[in-house]
Amino acid sequence: MLALYTDSDSTGNTIVCPADLSREINRQATYKLGASQIYWCGNQCIVLTLKDKLAIVGPNDTEEIDVKSRQDGIMCTTEDDGLRVTTAEHTHFFEIV
């Protein structure tokens, strides 16, 4: 599966499709503009990194989480069962429950 982030200046679309790009499985307008990175959290949702926030994009909804850091920068690492989020001060682990 591939996750794509498009139209970063207008709608912030996320598109999920098979690796061969044969069809769209899901398309969602998130209206989260200017995301710098896109990651998988498990195999069910996509996470967009914004300046100091994460946008978790599920099949039907988008949730925004503030990630406070005294220094700029959010580093994410995709894991088999979730997503590890690291800032200069903290490390968090997000998993699908």
PDB file of N, CA and C in Angstrom:
ATOM      1  N   MET A   1       0.833  -1.175   0.000  1.00  0.00           N
ATOM      2  CA  MET A   1       0.000   0.000   0.000  1.00  0.00           C
ATOM      3  C   MET A   1       0.881   1.244   0.000  1.00  0.00           C
ATOM      4  N   LEU A   2       0.435   2.255  -0.716  1.00  0.00           N
ATOM      5  CA  LEU A   2       1.116   3.546  -0.746  1.00  0.00           C
ATOM      6  C   LEU A   2       0.200   4.609  -0.180  1.00  0.00           C
ATOM      7  N   ALA A   3       0.775   5.560   0.509  1.00  0.00           N
ATOM      8  CA  ALA A   3       0.050   6.727   0.989  1.00  0.00           C
ATOM      9  C   ALA A   3       0.657   7.948   0.317  1.00  0.00           C
ATOM     10  N   LEU A   4      -0.178   8.770  -0.279  1.00  0.00           N
ATOM     11  CA  LEU A   4       0.270   9.957  -0.987  1.00  0.00           C
ATOM     12  C   LEU A   4      -0.363  11.190  -0.366  1.00  0.00           C
ATOM     13  N   TYR A   5       0.381  12.287  -0.351  1.00  0.00           N
ATOM     14  CA  TYR A   5      -0.112  13.577   0.132  1.00  0.00           C
ATOM     15  C   TYR A   5      -0.041  14.534  -1.043  1.00  0.00           C
ATOM     16  N   THR A   6      -1.192  15.059  -1.474  1.00  0.00           N
ATOM     17  CA  THR A   6      -1.234  15.915  -2.655  1.00  0.00           C
ATOM     18  C   THR A   6      -1.969  17.215  -2.337  1.00  0.00           C
ATOM     19  N   ASP A   7      -1.894  18.147  -3.254  1.00  0.00           N
ATOM     20  CA  ASP A   7      -2.582  19.441  -3.131  1.00  0.00           C
ATOM     21  C   ASP A   7      -2.266  20.118  -1.799  1.00  0.00           C
ATOM     22  N   SER A   8      -0.984  20.217  -1.478  1.00  0.00           N
ATOM     23  CA  SER A   8      -0.579  20.762  -0.175  1.00  0.00           C
ATOM     24  C   SER A   8      -0.885  22.249  -0.019  1.00  0.00           C
ATOM     25  N   ASP A   9      -1.247  22.932  -1.116  1.00  0.00           N
ATOM     26  CA  ASP A   9      -1.582  24.354  -1.039  1.00  0.00           C
ATOM     27  C   ASP A   9      -3.074  24.616  -0.931  1.00  0.00           C
ATOM     28  N   SER A  10      -3.921  23.602  -1.199  1.00  0.00           N
ATOM     29  CA  SER A  10      -5.364  23.875  -1.203  1.00  0.00           C
ATOM     30  C   SER A  10      -6.176  22.934  -0.313  1.00  0.00           C
ATOM     31  N   THR A  11      -6.126  21.624  -0.569  1.00  0.00           N
ATOM     32  CA  THR A  11      -6.988  20.702   0.177  1.00  0.00           C
ATOM     33  C   THR A  11      -6.228  19.730   1.064  1.00  0.00           C
ATOM     34  N   GLY A  12      -4.953  19.532   0.829  1.00  0.00           N
ATOM     35  CA  GLY A  12      -4.185  18.570   1.618  1.00  0.00           C
ATOM     36  C   GLY A  12      -4.736  17.168   1.502  1.00  0.00           C
ATOM     37  N   ASN A  13      -4.974  16.713   0.280  1.00  0.00           N
ATOM     38  CA  ASN A  13      -5.522  15.375   0.063  1.00  0.00           C
ATOM     39  C   ASN A  13      -4.551  14.289   0.472  1.00  0.00           C
ATOM     40  N   THR A  14      -5.060  13.235   1.074  1.00  0.00           N
ATOM     41  CA  THR A  14      -4.298  12.010   1.256  1.00  0.00           C
ATOM     42  C   THR A  14      -4.986  10.942   0.416  1.00  0.00           C
ATOM     43  N   ILE A  15      -4.173  10.140  -0.242  1.00  0.00           N
ATOM     44  CA  ILE A  15      -4.679   9.077  -1.113  1.00  0.00           C
ATOM     45  C   ILE A  15      -3.985   7.790  -0.715  1.00  0.00           C
ATOM     46  N   VAL A  16      -4.751   6.735  -0.528  1.00  0.00           N
ATOM     47  CA  VAL A  16      -4.203   5.409  -0.253  1.00  0.00           C
ATOM     48  C   VAL A  16      -4.516   4.538  -1.457  1.00  0.00           C
ATOM     49  N   CYS A  17      -3.489   3.837  -1.982  1.00  0.00           N
ATOM     50  CA  CYS A  17      -3.670   2.985  -3.150  1.00  0.00           C
ATOM     51  C   CYS A  17      -2.700   1.805  -3.064  1.00  0.00           C
ATOM     52  N   PRO A  18      -2.961   0.754  -3.860  1.00  0.00           N
ATOM     53  CA  PRO A  18      -2.009  -0.357  -3.897  1.00  0.00           C
ATOM     54  C   PRO A  18      -0.680   0.092  -4.510  1.00  0.00           C
ATOM     55  N   ALA A  19       0.360  -0.665  -4.277  1.00  0.00           N
ATOM     56  CA  ALA A  19       1.694  -0.300  -4.766  1.00  0.00           C
ATOM     57  C   ALA A  19       1.758  -0.187  -6.289  1.00  0.00           C
ATOM     58  N   ASP A  20       0.870  -0.872  -7.001  1.00  0.00           N
ATOM     59  CA  ASP A  20       0.887  -0.785  -8.459  1.00  0.00           C
ATOM     60  C   ASP A  20       0.054   0.384  -8.994  1.00  0.00           C
ATOM     61  N   LEU A  21      -0.499   1.205  -8.101  1.00  0.00           N
ATOM     62  CA  LEU A  21      -1.291   2.398  -8.443  1.00  0.00           C
ATOM     63  C   LEU A  21      -2.504   2.079  -9.314  1.00  0.00           C
ATOM     64  N   SER A  22      -3.038   0.869  -9.208  1.00  0.00           N
ATOM     65  CA  SER A  22      -4.133   0.437 -10.074  1.00  0.00           C
ATOM     66  C   SER A  22      -5.476   1.058  -9.717  1.00  0.00           C
ATOM     67  N   ARG A  23      -5.660   1.452  -8.456  1.00  0.00           N
ATOM     68  CA  ARG A  23      -6.938   2.038  -8.040  1.00  0.00           C
ATOM     69  C   ARG A  23      -6.739   2.811  -6.745  1.00  0.00           C
ATOM     70  N   GLU A  24      -7.703   3.659  -6.441  1.00  0.00           N
ATOM     71  CA  GLU A  24      -7.702   4.372  -5.166  1.00  0.00           C
ATOM     72  C   GLU A  24      -8.507   3.577  -4.151  1.00  0.00           C
ATOM     73  N   ILE A  25      -7.943   3.373  -2.990  1.00  0.00           N
ATOM     74  CA  ILE A  25      -8.673   2.721  -1.909  1.00  0.00           C
ATOM     75  C   ILE A  25      -9.397   3.766  -1.070  1.00  0.00           C
ATOM     76  N   ASN A  26      -8.721   4.898  -0.838  1.00  0.00           N
ATOM     77  CA  ASN A  26      -9.317   5.967  -0.038  1.00  0.00           C
ATOM     78  C   ASN A  26      -8.706   7.294  -0.459  1.00  0.00           C
ATOM     79  N   ARG A  27      -9.539   8.333  -0.529  1.00  0.00           N
ATOM     80  CA  ARG A  27      -9.075   9.708  -0.762  1.00  0.00           C
ATOM     81  C   ARG A  27      -9.790  10.587   0.258  1.00  0.00           C
ATOM     82  N   GLN A  28      -9.011  11.431   0.932  1.00  0.00           N
ATOM     83  CA  GLN A  28      -9.605  12.288   1.948  1.00  0.00           C
ATOM     84  C   GLN A  28      -8.987  13.673   1.890  1.00  0.00           C
ATOM     85  N   ALA A  29      -9.814  14.692   1.869  1.00  0.00           N
ATOM     86  CA  ALA A  29      -9.347  16.078   1.955  1.00  0.00           C
ATOM     87  C   ALA A  29      -9.166  16.405   3.430  1.00  0.00           C
ATOM     88  N   THR A  30      -7.932  16.566   3.875  1.00  0.00           N
ATOM     89  CA  THR A  30      -7.648  16.813   5.289  1.00  0.00           C
ATOM     90  C   THR A  30      -7.653  18.296   5.639  1.00  0.00           C
ATOM     91  N   TYR A  31      -7.410  19.153   4.656  1.00  0.00           N
ATOM     92  CA  TYR A  31      -7.249  20.596   4.848  1.00  0.00           C
ATOM     93  C   TYR A  31      -6.114  20.904   5.813  1.00  0.00           C
ATOM     94  N   LYS A  32      -5.159  19.994   5.937  1.00  0.00           N
ATOM     95  CA  LYS A  32      -3.909  20.222   6.683  1.00  0.00           C
ATOM     96  C   LYS A  32      -2.865  20.598   5.644  1.00  0.00           C
ATOM     97  N   LEU A  33      -2.546  21.883   5.569  1.00  0.00           N
ATOM     98  CA  LEU A  33      -1.699  22.396   4.501  1.00  0.00           C
ATOM     99  C   LEU A  33      -0.251  22.502   4.945  1.00  0.00           C
ATOM    100  N   GLY A  34       0.661  22.252   4.029  1.00  0.00           N
ATOM    101  CA  GLY A  34       2.078  22.421   4.287  1.00  0.00           C
ATOM    102  C   GLY A  34       2.726  21.336   5.126  1.00  0.00           C
ATOM    103  N   ALA A  35       2.216  20.131   5.076  1.00  0.00           N
ATOM    104  CA  ALA A  35       2.839  19.029   5.827  1.00  0.00           C
ATOM    105  C   ALA A  35       4.220  18.751   5.251  1.00  0.00           C
ATOM    106  N   SER A  36       5.175  18.448   6.125  1.00  0.00           N
ATOM    107  CA  SER A  36       6.543  18.220   5.664  1.00  0.00           C
ATOM    108  C   SER A  36       6.851  16.746   5.428  1.00  0.00           C
ATOM    109  N   GLN A  37       6.176  15.843   6.134  1.00  0.00           N
ATOM    110  CA  GLN A  37       6.421  14.405   5.992  1.00  0.00           C
ATOM    111  C   GLN A  37       5.106  13.647   6.118  1.00  0.00           C
ATOM    112  N   ILE A  38       5.100  12.422   5.606  1.00  0.00           N
ATOM    113  CA  ILE A  38       3.956  11.524   5.739  1.00  0.00           C
ATOM    114  C   ILE A  38       4.471  10.167   6.197  1.00  0.00           C
ATOM    115  N   TYR A  39       3.791   9.552   7.155  1.00  0.00           N
ATOM    116  CA  TYR A  39       4.215   8.270   7.722  1.00  0.00           C
ATOM    117  C   TYR A  39       3.004   7.370   7.903  1.00  0.00           C
ATOM    118  N   TRP A  40       3.235   6.078   7.932  1.00  0.00           N
ATOM    119  CA  TRP A  40       2.219   5.109   8.322  1.00  0.00           C
ATOM    120  C   TRP A  40       2.299   4.908   9.822  1.00  0.00           C
ATOM    121  N   CYS A  41       1.150   4.800  10.472  1.00  0.00           N
ATOM    122  CA  CYS A  41       1.059   4.406  11.877  1.00  0.00           C
ATOM    123  C   CYS A  41       0.373   3.051  11.877  1.00  0.00           C
ATOM    124  N   GLY A  42       1.152   1.998  12.051  1.00  0.00           N
ATOM    125  CA  GLY A  42       0.610   0.649  11.848  1.00  0.00           C
ATOM    126  C   GLY A  42       0.297   0.480  10.373  1.00  0.00           C
ATOM    127  N   ASN A  43      -0.804  -0.176  10.057  1.00  0.00           N
ATOM    128  CA  ASN A  43      -1.192  -0.313   8.656  1.00  0.00           C
ATOM    129  C   ASN A  43      -2.585   0.256   8.404  1.00  0.00           C
ATOM    130  N   GLN A  44      -3.068   1.086   9.343  1.00  0.00           N
ATOM    131  CA  GLN A  44      -4.432   1.572   9.228  1.00  0.00           C
ATOM    132  C   GLN A  44      -4.578   3.073   9.103  1.00  0.00           C
ATOM    133  N   CYS A  45      -3.590   3.844   9.489  1.00  0.00           N
ATOM    134  CA  CYS A  45      -3.751   5.294   9.378  1.00  0.00           C
ATOM    135  C   CYS A  45      -2.436   5.945   8.962  1.00  0.00           C
ATOM    136  N   ILE A  46      -2.566   7.174   8.506  1.00  0.00           N
ATOM    137  CA  ILE A  46      -1.449   7.972   8.007  1.00  0.00           C
ATOM    138  C   ILE A  46      -1.235   9.121   8.987  1.00  0.00           C
ATOM    139  N   VAL A  47       0.015   9.514   9.192  1.00  0.00           N
ATOM    140  CA  VAL A  47       0.328  10.650  10.054  1.00  0.00           C
ATOM    141  C   VAL A  47       1.096  11.679   9.227  1.00  0.00           C
ATOM    142  N   LEU A  48       0.611  12.920   9.255  1.00  0.00           N
ATOM    143  CA  LEU A  48       1.289  14.033   8.600  1.00  0.00           C
ATOM    144  C   LEU A  48       1.996  14.858   9.670  1.00  0.00           C
ATOM    145  N   THR A  49       3.239  15.277   9.409  1.00  0.00           N
ATOM    146  CA  THR A  49       3.924  16.157  10.352  1.00  0.00           C
ATOM    147  C   THR A  49       3.798  17.587   9.854  1.00  0.00           C
ATOM    148  N   LEU A  50       3.287  18.429  10.733  1.00  0.00           N
ATOM    149  CA  LEU A  50       3.186  19.860  10.492  1.00  0.00           C
ATOM    150  C   LEU A  50       4.233  20.533  11.371  1.00  0.00           C
ATOM    151  N   LYS A  51       4.288  21.830  11.437  1.00  0.00           N
ATOM    152  CA  LYS A  51       5.358  22.520  12.167  1.00  0.00           C
ATOM    153  C   LYS A  51       5.511  22.014  13.604  1.00  0.00           C
ATOM    154  N   ASP A  52       4.453  22.058  14.395  1.00  0.00           N
ATOM    155  CA  ASP A  52       4.520  21.577  15.775  1.00  0.00           C
ATOM    156  C   ASP A  52       3.306  20.711  16.111  1.00  0.00           C
ATOM    157  N   LYS A  53       2.775  20.054  15.092  1.00  0.00           N
ATOM    158  CA  LYS A  53       1.591  19.215  15.257  1.00  0.00           C
ATOM    159  C   LYS A  53       1.709  17.965  14.418  1.00  0.00           C
ATOM    160  N   LEU A  54       0.935  16.976  14.801  1.00  0.00           N
ATOM    161  CA  LEU A  54       0.756  15.772  13.997  1.00  0.00           C
ATOM    162  C   LEU A  54      -0.706  15.714  13.591  1.00  0.00           C
ATOM    163  N   ALA A  55      -0.971  15.341  12.372  1.00  0.00           N
ATOM    164  CA  ALA A  55      -2.341  15.119  11.917  1.00  0.00           C
ATOM    165  C   ALA A  55      -2.470  13.632  11.629  1.00  0.00           C
ATOM    166  N   ILE A  56      -3.327  12.962  12.400  1.00  0.00           N
ATOM    167  CA  ILE A  56      -3.553  11.533  12.219  1.00  0.00           C
ATOM    168  C   ILE A  56      -4.762  11.380  11.310  1.00  0.00           C
ATOM    169  N   VAL A  57      -4.552  10.766  10.160  1.00  0.00           N
ATOM    170  CA  VAL A  57      -5.592  10.641   9.147  1.00  0.00           C
ATOM    171  C   VAL A  57      -6.031   9.191   9.085  1.00  0.00           C
ATOM    172  N   GLY A  58      -7.259   8.936   9.517  1.00  0.00           N
ATOM    173  CA  GLY A  58      -7.832   7.599   9.447  1.00  0.00           C
ATOM    174  C   GLY A  58      -8.699   7.480   8.218  1.00  0.00           C
ATOM    175  N   PRO A  59      -9.362   6.352   8.059  1.00  0.00           N
ATOM    176  CA  PRO A  59     -10.197   6.161   6.870  1.00  0.00           C
ATOM    177  C   PRO A  59     -11.334   7.178   6.748  1.00  0.00           C
ATOM    178  N   ASN A  60     -11.835   7.691   7.869  1.00  0.00           N
ATOM    179  CA  ASN A  60     -12.991   8.582   7.804  1.00  0.00           C
ATOM    180  C   ASN A  60     -12.803   9.928   8.480  1.00  0.00           C
ATOM    181  N   ASP A  61     -11.728  10.122   9.228  1.00  0.00           N
ATOM    182  CA  ASP A  61     -11.608  11.319  10.058  1.00  0.00           C
ATOM    183  C   ASP A  61     -10.144  11.723  10.183  1.00  0.00           C
ATOM    184  N   THR A  62      -9.918  12.980  10.582  1.00  0.00           N
ATOM    185  CA  THR A  62      -8.577  13.495  10.833  1.00  0.00           C
ATOM    186  C   THR A  62      -8.541  14.095  12.232  1.00  0.00           C
ATOM    187  N   GLU A  63      -7.527  13.731  12.999  1.00  0.00           N
ATOM    188  CA  GLU A  63      -7.353  14.236  14.372  1.00  0.00           C
ATOM    189  C   GLU A  63      -6.008  14.944  14.447  1.00  0.00           C
ATOM    190  N   GLU A  64      -5.977  16.095  15.097  1.00  0.00           N
ATOM    191  CA  GLU A  64      -4.742  16.856  15.222  1.00  0.00           C
ATOM    192  C   GLU A  64      -4.223  16.779  16.654  1.00  0.00           C
ATOM    193  N   ILE A  65      -2.911  16.565  16.808  1.00  0.00           N
ATOM    194  CA  ILE A  65      -2.278  16.458  18.115  1.00  0.00           C
ATOM    195  C   ILE A  65      -1.133  17.462  18.182  1.00  0.00           C
ATOM    196  N   ASP A  66      -1.141  18.296  19.231  1.00  0.00           N
ATOM    197  CA  ASP A  66      -0.034  19.235  19.442  1.00  0.00           C
ATOM    198  C   ASP A  66       1.163  18.479  19.995  1.00  0.00           C
ATOM    199  N   VAL A  67       2.328  18.743  19.439  1.00  0.00           N
ATOM    200  CA  VAL A  67       3.574  18.175  19.936  1.00  0.00           C
ATOM    201  C   VAL A  67       4.464  19.354  20.291  1.00  0.00           C
ATOM    202  N   LYS A  68       4.470  19.698  21.553  1.00  0.00           N
ATOM    203  CA  LYS A  68       5.225  20.867  22.010  1.00  0.00           C
ATOM    204  C   LYS A  68       6.706  20.525  22.117  1.00  0.00           C
ATOM    205  N   SER A  69       7.505  21.422  21.591  1.00  0.00           N
ATOM    206  CA  SER A  69       8.950  21.260  21.658  1.00  0.00           C
ATOM    207  C   SER A  69       9.576  22.643  21.718  1.00  0.00           C
ATOM    208  N   ARG A  70      10.563  22.817  22.586  1.00  0.00           N
ATOM    209  CA  ARG A  70      11.238  24.108  22.676  1.00  0.00           C
ATOM    210  C   ARG A  70      12.093  24.361  21.444  1.00  0.00           C
ATOM    211  N   GLN A  71      12.508  23.300  20.805  1.00  0.00           N
ATOM    212  CA  GLN A  71      13.273  23.427  19.573  1.00  0.00           C
ATOM    213  C   GLN A  71      12.433  22.861  18.444  1.00  0.00           C
ATOM    214  N   ASP A  72      12.582  23.465  17.266  1.00  0.00           N
ATOM    215  CA  ASP A  72      11.816  22.984  16.116  1.00  0.00           C
ATOM    216  C   ASP A  72      12.254  21.584  15.736  1.00  0.00           C
ATOM    217  N   GLY A  73      11.310  20.822  15.273  1.00  0.00           N
ATOM    218  CA  GLY A  73      11.645  19.520  14.735  1.00  0.00           C
ATOM    219  C   GLY A  73      10.928  18.376  15.398  1.00  0.00           C
ATOM    220  N   ILE A  74      10.248  17.625  14.584  1.00  0.00           N
ATOM    221  CA  ILE A  74       9.602  16.393  15.004  1.00  0.00           C
ATOM    222  C   ILE A  74      10.180  15.293  14.126  1.00  0.00           C
ATOM    223  N   MET A  75      10.684  14.255  14.748  1.00  0.00           N
ATOM    224  CA  MET A  75      11.230  13.111  14.007  1.00  0.00           C
ATOM    225  C   MET A  75      10.326  11.918  14.257  1.00  0.00           C
ATOM    226  N   CYS A  76       9.888  11.272  13.200  1.00  0.00           N
ATOM    227  CA  CYS A  76       9.021  10.105  13.321  1.00  0.00           C
ATOM    228  C   CYS A  76       9.707   8.889  12.722  1.00  0.00           C
ATOM    229  N   THR A  77       9.447   7.746  13.325  1.00  0.00           N
ATOM    230  CA  THR A  77       9.968   6.474  12.833  1.00  0.00           C
ATOM    231  C   THR A  77       8.819   5.480  12.790  1.00  0.00           C
ATOM    232  N   THR A  78       8.565   4.934  11.625  1.00  0.00           N
ATOM    233  CA  THR A  78       7.506   3.945  11.474  1.00  0.00           C
ATOM    234  C   THR A  78       7.950   2.625  12.079  1.00  0.00           C
ATOM    235  N   GLU A  79       7.087   2.036  12.895  1.00  0.00           N
ATOM    236  CA  GLU A  79       7.335   0.735  13.514  1.00  0.00           C
ATOM    237  C   GLU A  79       6.261  -0.234  13.012  1.00  0.00           C
ATOM    238  N   ASP A  80       6.452  -1.525  13.234  1.00  0.00           N
ATOM    239  CA  ASP A  80       5.465  -2.509  12.778  1.00  0.00           C
ATOM    240  C   ASP A  80       4.095  -2.292  13.395  1.00  0.00           C
ATOM    241  N   ASP A  81       4.056  -1.874  14.648  1.00  0.00           N
ATOM    242  CA  ASP A  81       2.785  -1.763  15.355  1.00  0.00           C
ATOM    243  C   ASP A  81       2.417  -0.334  15.727  1.00  0.00           C
ATOM    244  N   GLY A  82       3.080   0.664  15.149  1.00  0.00           N
ATOM    245  CA  GLY A  82       2.742   2.042  15.475  1.00  0.00           C
ATOM    246  C   GLY A  82       3.745   3.023  14.915  1.00  0.00           C
ATOM    247  N   LEU A  83       3.875   4.156  15.597  1.00  0.00           N
ATOM    248  CA  LEU A  83       4.755   5.233  15.152  1.00  0.00           C
ATOM    249  C   LEU A  83       5.470   5.823  16.359  1.00  0.00           C
ATOM    250  N   ARG A  84       6.794   5.904  16.289  1.00  0.00           N
ATOM    251  CA  ARG A  84       7.589   6.526  17.348  1.00  0.00           C
ATOM    252  C   ARG A  84       7.810   7.986  16.950  1.00  0.00           C
ATOM    253  N   VAL A  85       7.455   8.910  17.856  1.00  0.00           N
ATOM    254  CA  VAL A  85       7.570  10.345  17.619  1.00  0.00           C
ATOM    255  C   VAL A  85       8.582  10.899  18.603  1.00  0.00           C
ATOM    256  N   THR A  86       9.623  11.556  18.088  1.00  0.00           N
ATOM    257  CA  THR A  86      10.698  12.058  18.924  1.00  0.00           C
ATOM    258  C   THR A  86      10.875  13.557  18.699  1.00  0.00           C
ATOM    259  N   THR A  87      10.963  14.300  19.816  1.00  0.00           N
ATOM    260  CA  THR A  87      11.332  15.717  19.774  1.00  0.00           C
ATOM    261  C   THR A  87      12.610  15.856  20.593  1.00  0.00           C
ATOM    262  N   ALA A  88      13.097  17.079  20.723  1.00  0.00           N
ATOM    263  CA  ALA A  88      14.313  17.295  21.512  1.00  0.00           C
ATOM    264  C   ALA A  88      14.107  16.949  22.974  1.00  0.00           C
ATOM    265  N   GLU A  89      12.856  17.034  23.470  1.00  0.00           N
ATOM    266  CA  GLU A  89      12.583  16.803  24.884  1.00  0.00           C
ATOM    267  C   GLU A  89      11.949  15.451  25.200  1.00  0.00           C
ATOM    268  N   HIS A  90      11.183  14.873  24.283  1.00  0.00           N
ATOM    269  CA  HIS A  90      10.394  13.679  24.600  1.00  0.00           C
ATOM    270  C   HIS A  90      10.394  12.668  23.462  1.00  0.00           C
ATOM    271  N   THR A  91      10.030  11.451  23.822  1.00  0.00           N
ATOM    272  CA  THR A  91       9.728  10.403  22.847  1.00  0.00           C
ATOM    273  C   THR A  91       8.355   9.857  23.179  1.00  0.00           C
ATOM    274  N   HIS A  92       7.508   9.754  22.169  1.00  0.00           N
ATOM    275  CA  HIS A  92       6.158   9.230  22.323  1.00  0.00           C
ATOM    276  C   HIS A  92       6.000   8.042  21.380  1.00  0.00           C
ATOM    277  N   PHE A  93       5.087   7.137  21.741  1.00  0.00           N
ATOM    278  CA  PHE A  93       4.798   6.023  20.855  1.00  0.00           C
ATOM    279  C   PHE A  93       3.289   5.977  20.642  1.00  0.00           C
ATOM    280  N   PHE A  94       2.875   6.063  19.380  1.00  0.00           N
ATOM    281  CA  PHE A  94       1.465   5.988  19.019  1.00  0.00           C
ATOM    282  C   PHE A  94       1.205   4.610  18.429  1.00  0.00           C
ATOM    283  N   GLU A  95       0.143   3.971  18.927  1.00  0.00           N
ATOM    284  CA  GLU A  95      -0.233   2.682  18.372  1.00  0.00           C
ATOM    285  C   GLU A  95      -1.730   2.621  18.183  1.00  0.00           C
ATOM    286  N   ILE A  96      -2.165   1.796  17.267  1.00  0.00           N
ATOM    287  CA  ILE A  96      -3.584   1.587  17.013  1.00  0.00           C
ATOM    288  C   ILE A  96      -4.120   0.673  18.087  1.00  0.00           C
ATOM    289  N   VAL A  97      -5.203   1.091  18.729  1.00  0.00           N
ATOM    290  CA  VAL A  97      -5.799   0.286  19.796  1.00  0.00           C
ATOM    291  C   VAL A  97      -7.158  -0.195  19.347  1.00  0.00           C
TER     292      VAL A  97
END
